[in-house]
Each structure stands twice: as structure tokens, then as C-alpha cells.
PDB file of all heavy atoms in Angstrom:
ATOM      1  N   SER A   1      89.471  31.836 110.851  1.00  0.00           N
ATOM      2  CA  SER A   1      88.651  31.315 109.754  1.00  0.00           C
ATOM      3  C   SER A   1      88.425  29.813 109.931  1.00  0.00           C
ATOM      4  O   SER A   1      89.365  29.051 110.149  1.00  0.00           O
ATOM      5  CB  SER A   1      89.343  31.566 108.413  1.00  0.00           C
ATOM      6  OG  SER A   1      88.667  30.886 107.367  1.00  0.00           O
ATOM      7  N   LYS A   2      87.172  29.407 109.808  1.00  0.00           N
ATOM      8  CA  LYS A   2      86.841  27.983 109.936  1.00  0.00           C
ATOM      9  C   LYS A   2      86.733  27.304 108.573  1.00  0.00           C
ATOM     10  O   LYS A   2      86.279  26.157 108.473  1.00  0.00           O
ATOM     11  CB  LYS A   2      85.539  27.819 110.722  1.00  0.00           C
ATOM     12  CG  LYS A   2      85.678  28.232 112.178  1.00  0.00           C
ATOM     13  CD  LYS A   2      84.433  27.903 112.989  1.00  0.00           C
ATOM     14  CE  LYS A   2      84.612  28.301 114.443  1.00  0.00           C
ATOM     15  NZ  LYS A   2      83.436  27.978 115.273  1.00  0.00           N
ATOM     16  N   LYS A   3      87.154  28.017 107.531  1.00  0.00           N
ATOM     17  CA  LYS A   3      87.168  27.413 106.203  1.00  0.00           C
ATOM     18  C   LYS A   3      88.216  26.309 106.140  1.00  0.00           C
ATOM     19  O   LYS A   3      89.207  26.329 106.879  1.00  0.00           O
ATOM     20  CB  LYS A   3      87.486  28.475 105.144  1.00  0.00           C
ATOM     21  CG  LYS A   3      86.390  29.478 104.906  1.00  0.00           C
ATOM     22  CD  LYS A   3      86.864  30.606 104.011  1.00  0.00           C
ATOM     23  CE  LYS A   3      87.266  30.147 102.622  1.00  0.00           C
ATOM     24  NZ  LYS A   3      87.629  31.291 101.748  1.00  0.00           N
ATOM     25  N   ASN A   4      88.007  25.355 105.238  1.00  0.00           N
ATOM     26  CA  ASN A   4      89.045  24.386 104.930  1.00  0.00           C
ATOM     27  C   ASN A   4      89.882  24.962 103.801  1.00  0.00           C
ATOM     28  O   ASN A   4      89.606  26.062 103.311  1.00  0.00           O
ATOM     29  CB  ASN A   4      88.425  23.039 104.543  1.00  0.00           C
ATOM     30  CG  ASN A   4      89.307  21.856 104.935  1.00  0.00           C
ATOM     31  OD1 ASN A   4      90.532  21.963 104.959  1.00  0.00           O
ATOM     32  ND2 ASN A   4      88.691  20.732 105.241  1.00  0.00           N
ATOM     33  N   VAL A   5      90.884  24.268 103.367  1.00  0.00           N
ATOM     34  CA  VAL A   5      91.651  24.670 102.190  1.00  0.00           C
ATOM     35  C   VAL A   5      91.376  23.651 101.089  1.00  0.00           C
ATOM     36  O   VAL A   5      90.807  22.593 101.327  1.00  0.00           O
ATOM     37  CB  VAL A   5      93.166  24.747 102.491  1.00  0.00           C
ATOM     38  CG1 VAL A   5      93.452  25.816 103.520  1.00  0.00           C
ATOM     39  CG2 VAL A   5      93.703  23.402 102.955  1.00  0.00           C
ATOM     40  N   ILE A   6      91.752  24.004  99.864  1.00  0.00           N
ATOM     41  CA  ILE A   6      91.528  23.077  98.757  1.00  0.00           C
ATOM     42  C   ILE A   6      92.365  21.818  98.963  1.00  0.00           C
ATOM     43  O   ILE A   6      93.426  21.849  99.575  1.00  0.00           O
ATOM     44  CB  ILE A   6      91.836  23.749  97.398  1.00  0.00           C
ATOM     45  CG1 ILE A   6      93.214  24.409  97.409  1.00  0.00           C
ATOM     46  CG2 ILE A   6      90.764  24.769  97.053  1.00  0.00           C
ATOM     47  CD1 ILE A   6      93.587  25.050  96.086  1.00  0.00           C
ATOM     48  N   GLY A   7      91.875  20.718  98.404  1.00  0.00           N
ATOM     49  CA  GLY A   7      92.471  19.422  98.708  1.00  0.00           C
ATOM     50  C   GLY A   7      91.879  18.908 100.016  1.00  0.00           C
ATOM     51  O   GLY A   7      90.929  19.478 100.558  1.00  0.00           O
ATOM     52  N   GLU A   8      92.462  17.837 100.532  1.00  0.00           N
ATOM     53  CA  GLU A   8      91.996  17.284 101.807  1.00  0.00           C
ATOM     54  C   GLU A   8      93.180  16.979 102.715  1.00  0.00           C
ATOM     55  O   GLU A   8      93.412  15.832 103.106  1.00  0.00           O
ATOM     56  CB  GLU A   8      91.187  16.008 101.564  1.00  0.00           C
ATOM     57  CG  GLU A   8      89.855  16.256 100.878  1.00  0.00           C
ATOM     58  CD  GLU A   8      88.985  15.019 100.846  1.00  0.00           C
ATOM     59  OE1 GLU A   8      89.475  13.930 101.190  1.00  0.00           O
ATOM     60  OE2 GLU A   8      87.813  15.137 100.473  1.00  0.00           O
ATOM     61  N   PRO A   9      93.958  18.012 103.068  1.00  0.00           N
ATOM     62  CA  PRO A   9      95.151  17.745 103.891  1.00  0.00           C
ATOM     63  C   PRO A   9      94.829  17.192 105.265  1.00  0.00           C
ATOM     64  O   PRO A   9      95.628  16.481 105.855  1.00  0.00           O
ATOM     65  CB  PRO A   9      95.823  19.119 103.982  1.00  0.00           C
ATOM     66  CG  PRO A   9      94.722  20.093 103.735  1.00  0.00           C
ATOM     67  CD  PRO A   9      93.813  19.423 102.754  1.00  0.00           C
ATOM     68  N   ASN A  10      93.666  17.538 105.789  1.00  0.00           N
ATOM     69  CA  ASN A  10      93.312  17.055 107.123  1.00  0.00           C
ATOM     70  C   ASN A  10      91.948  16.374 107.123  1.00  0.00           C
ATOM     71  O   ASN A  10      91.272  16.317 108.143  1.00  0.00           O
ATOM     72  CB  ASN A  10      93.318  18.221 108.120  1.00  0.00           C
ATOM     73  CG  ASN A  10      93.704  17.786 109.509  1.00  0.00           C
ATOM     74  OD1 ASN A  10      94.543  16.909 109.662  1.00  0.00           O
ATOM     75  ND2 ASN A  10      93.108  18.388 110.522  1.00  0.00           N
ATOM     76  N   GLY A  11      91.563  15.865 105.952  1.00  0.00           N
ATOM     77  CA  GLY A  11      90.289  15.164 105.857  1.00  0.00           C
ATOM     78  C   GLY A  11      89.116  16.114 106.070  1.00  0.00           C
ATOM     79  O   GLY A  11      89.182  17.306 105.785  1.00  0.00           O
ATOM     80  N   ASP A  12      88.030  15.584 106.591  1.00  0.00           N
ATOM     81  CA  ASP A  12      86.822  16.348 106.854  1.00  0.00           C
ATOM     82  C   ASP A  12      86.924  16.945 108.252  1.00  0.00           C
ATOM     83  O   ASP A  12      86.853  16.245 109.247  1.00  0.00           O
ATOM     84  CB  ASP A  12      85.597  15.423 106.745  1.00  0.00           C
ATOM     85  CG  ASP A  12      84.295  16.178 106.937  1.00  0.00           C
ATOM     86  OD1 ASP A  12      84.305  17.405 106.767  1.00  0.00           O
ATOM     87  OD2 ASP A  12      83.279  15.543 107.278  1.00  0.00           O
ATOM     88  N   THR A  13      87.104  18.265 108.322  1.00  0.00           N
ATOM     89  CA  THR A  13      87.332  18.902 109.616  1.00  0.00           C
ATOM     90  C   THR A  13      86.476  20.148 109.752  1.00  0.00           C
ATOM     91  O   THR A  13      86.221  20.851 108.774  1.00  0.00           O
ATOM     92  CB  THR A  13      88.819  19.265 109.796  1.00  0.00           C
ATOM     93  OG1 THR A  13      88.990  19.955 111.035  1.00  0.00           O
ATOM     94  CG2 THR A  13      89.319  20.163 108.680  1.00  0.00           C
ATOM     95  N   GLU A  14      86.032  20.431 110.978  1.00  0.00           N
ATOM     96  CA  GLU A  14      85.178  21.592 111.218  1.00  0.00           C
ATOM     97  C   GLU A  14      85.980  22.884 111.333  1.00  0.00           C
ATOM     98  O   GLU A  14      85.469  23.968 111.076  1.00  0.00           O
ATOM     99  CB  GLU A  14      84.352  21.386 112.491  1.00  0.00           C
ATOM    100  CG  GLU A  14      83.300  20.279 112.360  1.00  0.00           C
ATOM    101  CD  GLU A  14      82.447  20.159 113.610  1.00  0.00           C
ATOM    102  OE1 GLU A  14      82.645  20.945 114.562  1.00  0.00           O
ATOM    103  OE2 GLU A  14      81.577  19.270 113.639  1.00  0.00           O
ATOM    104  N   TRP A  15      87.230  22.776 111.760  1.00  0.00           N
ATOM    105  CA  TRP A  15      88.052  23.982 111.960  1.00  0.00           C
ATOM    106  C   TRP A  15      89.506  23.614 111.696  1.00  0.00           C
ATOM    107  O   TRP A  15      90.240  23.230 112.582  1.00  0.00           O
ATOM    108  CB  TRP A  15      87.860  24.525 113.375  1.00  0.00           C
ATOM    109  CG  TRP A  15      88.375  25.913 113.586  1.00  0.00           C
ATOM    110  CD1 TRP A  15      89.220  26.630 112.795  1.00  0.00           C
ATOM    111  CD2 TRP A  15      88.076  26.759 114.710  1.00  0.00           C
ATOM    112  NE1 TRP A  15      89.468  27.856 113.328  1.00  0.00           N
ATOM    113  CE2 TRP A  15      88.786  27.974 114.499  1.00  0.00           C
ATOM    114  CE3 TRP A  15      87.290  26.612 115.856  1.00  0.00           C
ATOM    115  CZ2 TRP A  15      88.715  29.020 115.415  1.00  0.00           C
ATOM    116  CZ3 TRP A  15      87.227  27.661 116.764  1.00  0.00           C
ATOM    117  CH2 TRP A  15      87.937  28.855 116.544  1.00  0.00           C
ATOM    118  N   PHE A  16      89.894  23.720 110.451  1.00  0.00           N
ATOM    119  CA  PHE A  16      91.196  23.268 109.977  1.00  0.00           C
ATOM    120  C   PHE A  16      92.345  23.909 110.765  1.00  0.00           C
ATOM    121  O   PHE A  16      93.226  23.220 111.273  1.00  0.00           O
ATOM    122  CB  PHE A  16      91.306  23.597 108.490  1.00  0.00           C
ATOM    123  CG  PHE A  16      92.608  23.234 107.848  1.00  0.00           C
ATOM    124  CD1 PHE A  16      93.031  21.920 107.798  1.00  0.00           C
ATOM    125  CD2 PHE A  16      93.419  24.199 107.260  1.00  0.00           C
ATOM    126  CE1 PHE A  16      94.229  21.567 107.198  1.00  0.00           C
ATOM    127  CE2 PHE A  16      94.611  23.868 106.655  1.00  0.00           C
ATOM    128  CZ  PHE A  16      95.017  22.545 106.625  1.00  0.00           C
ATOM    129  N   ALA A  17      92.339  25.244 110.864  1.00  0.00           N
ATOM    130  CA  ALA A  17      93.455  25.948 111.505  1.00  0.00           C
ATOM    131  C   ALA A  17      93.586  25.587 112.980  1.00  0.00           C
ATOM    132  O   ALA A  17      94.697  25.484 113.513  1.00  0.00           O
ATOM    133  CB  ALA A  17      93.285  27.460 111.344  1.00  0.00           C
ATOM    134  N   LYS A  18      92.440  25.376 113.650  1.00  0.00           N
ATOM    135  CA  LYS A  18      92.480  24.991 115.057  1.00  0.00           C
ATOM    136  C   LYS A  18      93.082  23.602 115.213  1.00  0.00           C
ATOM    137  O   LYS A  18      93.901  23.356 116.116  1.00  0.00           O
ATOM    138  CB  LYS A  18      91.075  25.023 115.651  1.00  0.00           C
ATOM    139  CG  LYS A  18      91.039  24.698 117.141  1.00  0.00           C
ATOM    140  CD  LYS A  18      89.621  24.774 117.700  1.00  0.00           C
ATOM    141  CE  LYS A  18      89.608  24.465 119.183  1.00  0.00           C
ATOM    142  NZ  LYS A  18      88.232  24.537 119.747  1.00  0.00           N
ATOM    143  N   ASN A  19      92.694  22.676 114.338  1.00  0.00           N
ATOM    144  CA  ASN A  19      93.233  21.316 114.390  1.00  0.00           C
ATOM    145  C   ASN A  19      94.744  21.291 114.213  1.00  0.00           C
ATOM    146  O   ASN A  19      95.421  20.405 114.735  1.00  0.00           O
ATOM    147  CB  ASN A  19      92.587  20.448 113.302  1.00  0.00           C
ATOM    148  CG  ASN A  19      91.149  20.082 113.635  1.00  0.00           C
ATOM    149  OD1 ASN A  19      90.657  20.429 114.696  1.00  0.00           O
ATOM    150  ND2 ASN A  19      90.484  19.404 112.732  1.00  0.00           N
ATOM    151  N   LEU A  20      95.268  22.239 113.467  1.00  0.00           N
ATOM    152  CA  LEU A  20      96.711  22.284 113.223  1.00  0.00           C
ATOM    153  C   LEU A  20      97.485  23.014 114.311  1.00  0.00           C
ATOM    154  O   LEU A  20      98.711  23.013 114.294  1.00  0.00           O
ATOM    155  CB  LEU A  20      96.995  22.945 111.869  1.00  0.00           C
ATOM    156  CG  LEU A  20      96.499  22.206 110.626  1.00  0.00           C
ATOM    157  CD1 LEU A  20      96.980  22.918 109.372  1.00  0.00           C
ATOM    158  CD2 LEU A  20      96.977  20.765 110.611  1.00  0.00           C
ATOM    159  N   GLY A  21      96.793  23.679 115.224  1.00  0.00           N
ATOM    160  CA  GLY A  21      97.489  24.344 116.320  1.00  0.00           C
ATOM    161  C   GLY A  21      97.679  25.837 116.156  1.00  0.00           C
ATOM    162  O   GLY A  21      98.329  26.480 116.989  1.00  0.00           O
ATOM    163  N   PHE A  22      97.082  26.434 115.104  1.00  0.00           N
ATOM    164  CA  PHE A  22      97.331  27.851 114.840  1.00  0.00           C
ATOM    165  C   PHE A  22      96.401  28.794 115.610  1.00  0.00           C
ATOM    166  O   PHE A  22      96.463  30.010 115.414  1.00  0.00           O
ATOM    167  CB  PHE A  22      97.275  28.123 113.341  1.00  0.00           C
ATOM    168  CG  PHE A  22      98.410  27.486 112.598  1.00  0.00           C
ATOM    169  CD1 PHE A  22      98.198  26.404 111.764  1.00  0.00           C
ATOM    170  CD2 PHE A  22      99.703  27.947 112.764  1.00  0.00           C
ATOM    171  CE1 PHE A  22      99.254  25.795 111.104  1.00  0.00           C
ATOM    172  CE2 PHE A  22     100.766  27.353 112.116  1.00  0.00           C
ATOM    173  CZ  PHE A  22     100.545  26.269 111.276  1.00  0.00           C
ATOM    174  N   THR A  23      95.545  28.228 116.465  1.00  0.00           N
ATOM    175  CA  THR A  23      94.747  29.070 117.355  1.00  0.00           C
ATOM    176  C   THR A  23      95.289  29.023 118.782  1.00  0.00           C
ATOM    177  O   THR A  23      94.687  29.582 119.687  1.00  0.00           O
ATOM    178  CB  THR A  23      93.268  28.616 117.372  1.00  0.00           C
ATOM    179  OG1 THR A  23      93.209  27.265 117.842  1.00  0.00           O
ATOM    180  CG2 THR A  23      92.653  28.711 115.983  1.00  0.00           C
ATOM    181  N   GLN A  24      96.412  28.366 118.967  1.00  0.00           N
ATOM    182  CA  GLN A  24      96.974  28.251 120.331  1.00  0.00           C
ATOM    183  C   GLN A  24      98.491  28.414 120.308  1.00  0.00           C
ATOM    184  O   GLN A  24      99.221  27.668 120.946  1.00  0.00           O
ATOM    185  CB  GLN A  24      96.576  26.913 120.943  1.00  0.00           C
ATOM    186  CG  GLN A  24      96.988  25.697 120.132  1.00  0.00           C
ATOM    187  CD  GLN A  24      96.691  24.399 120.873  1.00  0.00           C
ATOM    188  OE1 GLN A  24      95.596  24.204 121.393  1.00  0.00           O
ATOM    189  NE2 GLN A  24      97.678  23.517 120.922  1.00  0.00           N
ATOM    190  N   LEU A  25      98.948  29.421 119.595  1.00  0.00           N
ATOM    191  CA  LEU A  25     100.372  29.724 119.546  1.00  0.00           C
ATOM    192  C   LEU A  25     100.808  30.444 120.821  1.00  0.00           C
ATOM    193  O   LEU A  25      99.984  30.888 121.620  1.00  0.00           O
ATOM    194  CB  LEU A  25     100.680  30.597 118.324  1.00  0.00           C
ATOM    195  CG  LEU A  25     100.391  29.994 116.942  1.00  0.00           C
ATOM    196  CD1 LEU A  25     100.556  31.063 115.863  1.00  0.00           C
ATOM    197  CD2 LEU A  25     101.316  28.816 116.659  1.00  0.00           C
ATOM    198  N   GLY A  26     102.118  30.557 120.993  1.00  0.00           N
ATOM    199  CA  GLY A  26     102.652  31.340 122.096  1.00  0.00           C
ATOM    200  C   GLY A  26     102.888  30.535 123.356  1.00  0.00           C
ATOM    201  O   GLY A  26     102.515  29.370 123.465  1.00  0.00           O
ATOM    202  N   GLU A  27     103.495  31.190 124.325  1.00  0.00           N
ATOM    203  CA  GLU A  27     103.884  30.524 125.579  1.00  0.00           C
ATOM    204  C   GLU A  27     102.676  30.028 126.364  1.00  0.00           C
ATOM    205  O   GLU A  27     102.737  29.012 127.037  1.00  0.00           O
ATOM    206  CB  GLU A  27     104.706  31.493 126.444  1.00  0.00           C
ATOM    207  CG  GLU A  27     106.073  31.832 125.869  1.00  0.00           C
ATOM    208  CD  GLU A  27     106.954  30.608 125.695  1.00  0.00           C
ATOM    209  OE1 GLU A  27     106.941  29.728 126.585  1.00  0.00           O
ATOM    210  OE2 GLU A  27     107.650  30.518 124.673  1.00  0.00           O
ATOM    211  N   ASN A  28     101.566  30.747 126.276  1.00  0.00           N
ATOM    212  CA  ASN A  28     100.367  30.371 127.030  1.00  0.00           C
ATOM    213  C   ASN A  28      99.314  29.704 126.153  1.00  0.00           C
ATOM    214  O   ASN A  28      98.159  29.555 126.575  1.00  0.00           O
ATOM    215  CB  ASN A  28      99.771  31.619 127.710  1.00  0.00           C
ATOM    216  CG  ASN A  28     100.724  32.244 128.706  1.00  0.00           C
ATOM    217  OD1 ASN A  28     101.344  31.544 129.499  1.00  0.00           O
ATOM    218  ND2 ASN A  28     100.858  33.556 128.659  1.00  0.00           N
ATOM    219  N   HIS A  29      99.700  29.331 124.935  1.00  0.00           N
ATOM    220  CA  HIS A  29      98.781  28.688 123.992  1.00  0.00           C
ATOM    221  C   HIS A  29      97.529  29.536 123.763  1.00  0.00           C
ATOM    222  O   HIS A  29      96.432  29.016 123.585  1.00  0.00           O
ATOM    223  CB  HIS A  29      98.364  27.294 124.483  1.00  0.00           C
ATOM    224  CG  HIS A  29      99.512  26.437 124.907  1.00  0.00           C
ATOM    225  ND1 HIS A  29     100.478  26.015 124.031  1.00  0.00           N
ATOM    226  CD2 HIS A  29      99.861  25.946 126.129  1.00  0.00           C
ATOM    227  CE1 HIS A  29     101.373  25.277 124.681  1.00  0.00           C
ATOM    228  NE2 HIS A  29     101.024  25.234 125.960  1.00  0.00           N
ATOM    229  N   SER A  30      97.705  30.858 123.755  1.00  0.00           N
ATOM    230  CA  SER A  30      96.547  31.757 123.686  1.00  0.00           C
ATOM    231  C   SER A  30      96.561  32.682 122.470  1.00  0.00           C
ATOM    232  O   SER A  30      95.618  33.449 122.270  1.00  0.00           O
ATOM    233  CB  SER A  30      96.486  32.621 124.955  1.00  0.00           C
ATOM    234  OG  SER A  30      97.679  33.382 125.086  1.00  0.00           O
ATOM    235  N   GLU A  31      97.596  32.611 121.648  1.00  0.00           N
ATOM    236  CA  GLU A  31      97.691  33.521 120.504  1.00  0.00           C
ATOM    237  C   GLU A  31      97.183  32.848 119.234  1.00  0.00           C
ATOM    238  O   GLU A  31      97.455  31.673 118.978  1.00  0.00           O
ATOM    239  CB  GLU A  31      99.141  33.971 120.313  1.00  0.00           C
ATOM    240  CG  GLU A  31      99.687  34.753 121.510  1.00  0.00           C
ATOM    241  CD  GLU A  31     101.130  35.190 121.286  1.00  0.00           C
ATOM    242  OE1 GLU A  31     101.406  35.772 120.211  1.00  0.00           O
ATOM    243  OE2 GLU A  31     101.975  34.938 122.167  1.00  0.00           O
ATOM    244  N   VAL A  32      96.449  33.614 118.444  1.00  0.00           N
ATOM    245  CA  VAL A  32      95.861  33.113 117.199  1.00  0.00           C
ATOM    246  C   VAL A  32      96.612  33.725 116.030  1.00  0.00           C
ATOM    247  O   VAL A  32      96.906  34.930 116.018  1.00  0.00           O
ATOM    248  CB  VAL A  32      94.362  33.481 117.119  1.00  0.00           C
ATOM    249  CG1 VAL A  32      93.754  32.961 115.818  1.00  0.00           C
ATOM    250  CG2 VAL A  32      93.612  32.919 118.314  1.00  0.00           C
ATOM    251  N   LEU A  33      96.944  32.898 115.042  1.00  0.00           N
ATOM    252  CA  LEU A  33      97.660  33.390 113.863  1.00  0.00           C
ATOM    253  C   LEU A  33      96.789  34.377 113.093  1.00  0.00           C
ATOM    254  O   LEU A  33      95.690  34.049 112.655  1.00  0.00           O
ATOM    255  CB  LEU A  33      98.030  32.219 112.952  1.00  0.00           C
ATOM    256  CG  LEU A  33      98.721  32.607 111.637  1.00  0.00           C
ATOM    257  CD1 LEU A  33     100.125  33.120 111.910  1.00  0.00           C
ATOM    258  CD2 LEU A  33      98.773  31.422 110.675  1.00  0.00           C
TER     259      LEU A  33
END
């Protein structure tokens, strides 16, 4: 999901979850939450 969350925890961002690292989990940085 490229939605933001309420509030502004990461300012103005196009892809909140990606910026936080949740699209590159795992040993090979290839797993998405």
C-alpha cells in the first residue's frame, strides 16, 4: 500500500511503508510485509 498514515510521522512521502523498510524484509531484502 502506498497510502500514508494519519499524522505526519515521515513527512510528505510517496510510499510510506517502503521508506520505513517494510518492502525489503528478510535475508535478501526481498520480502514485503
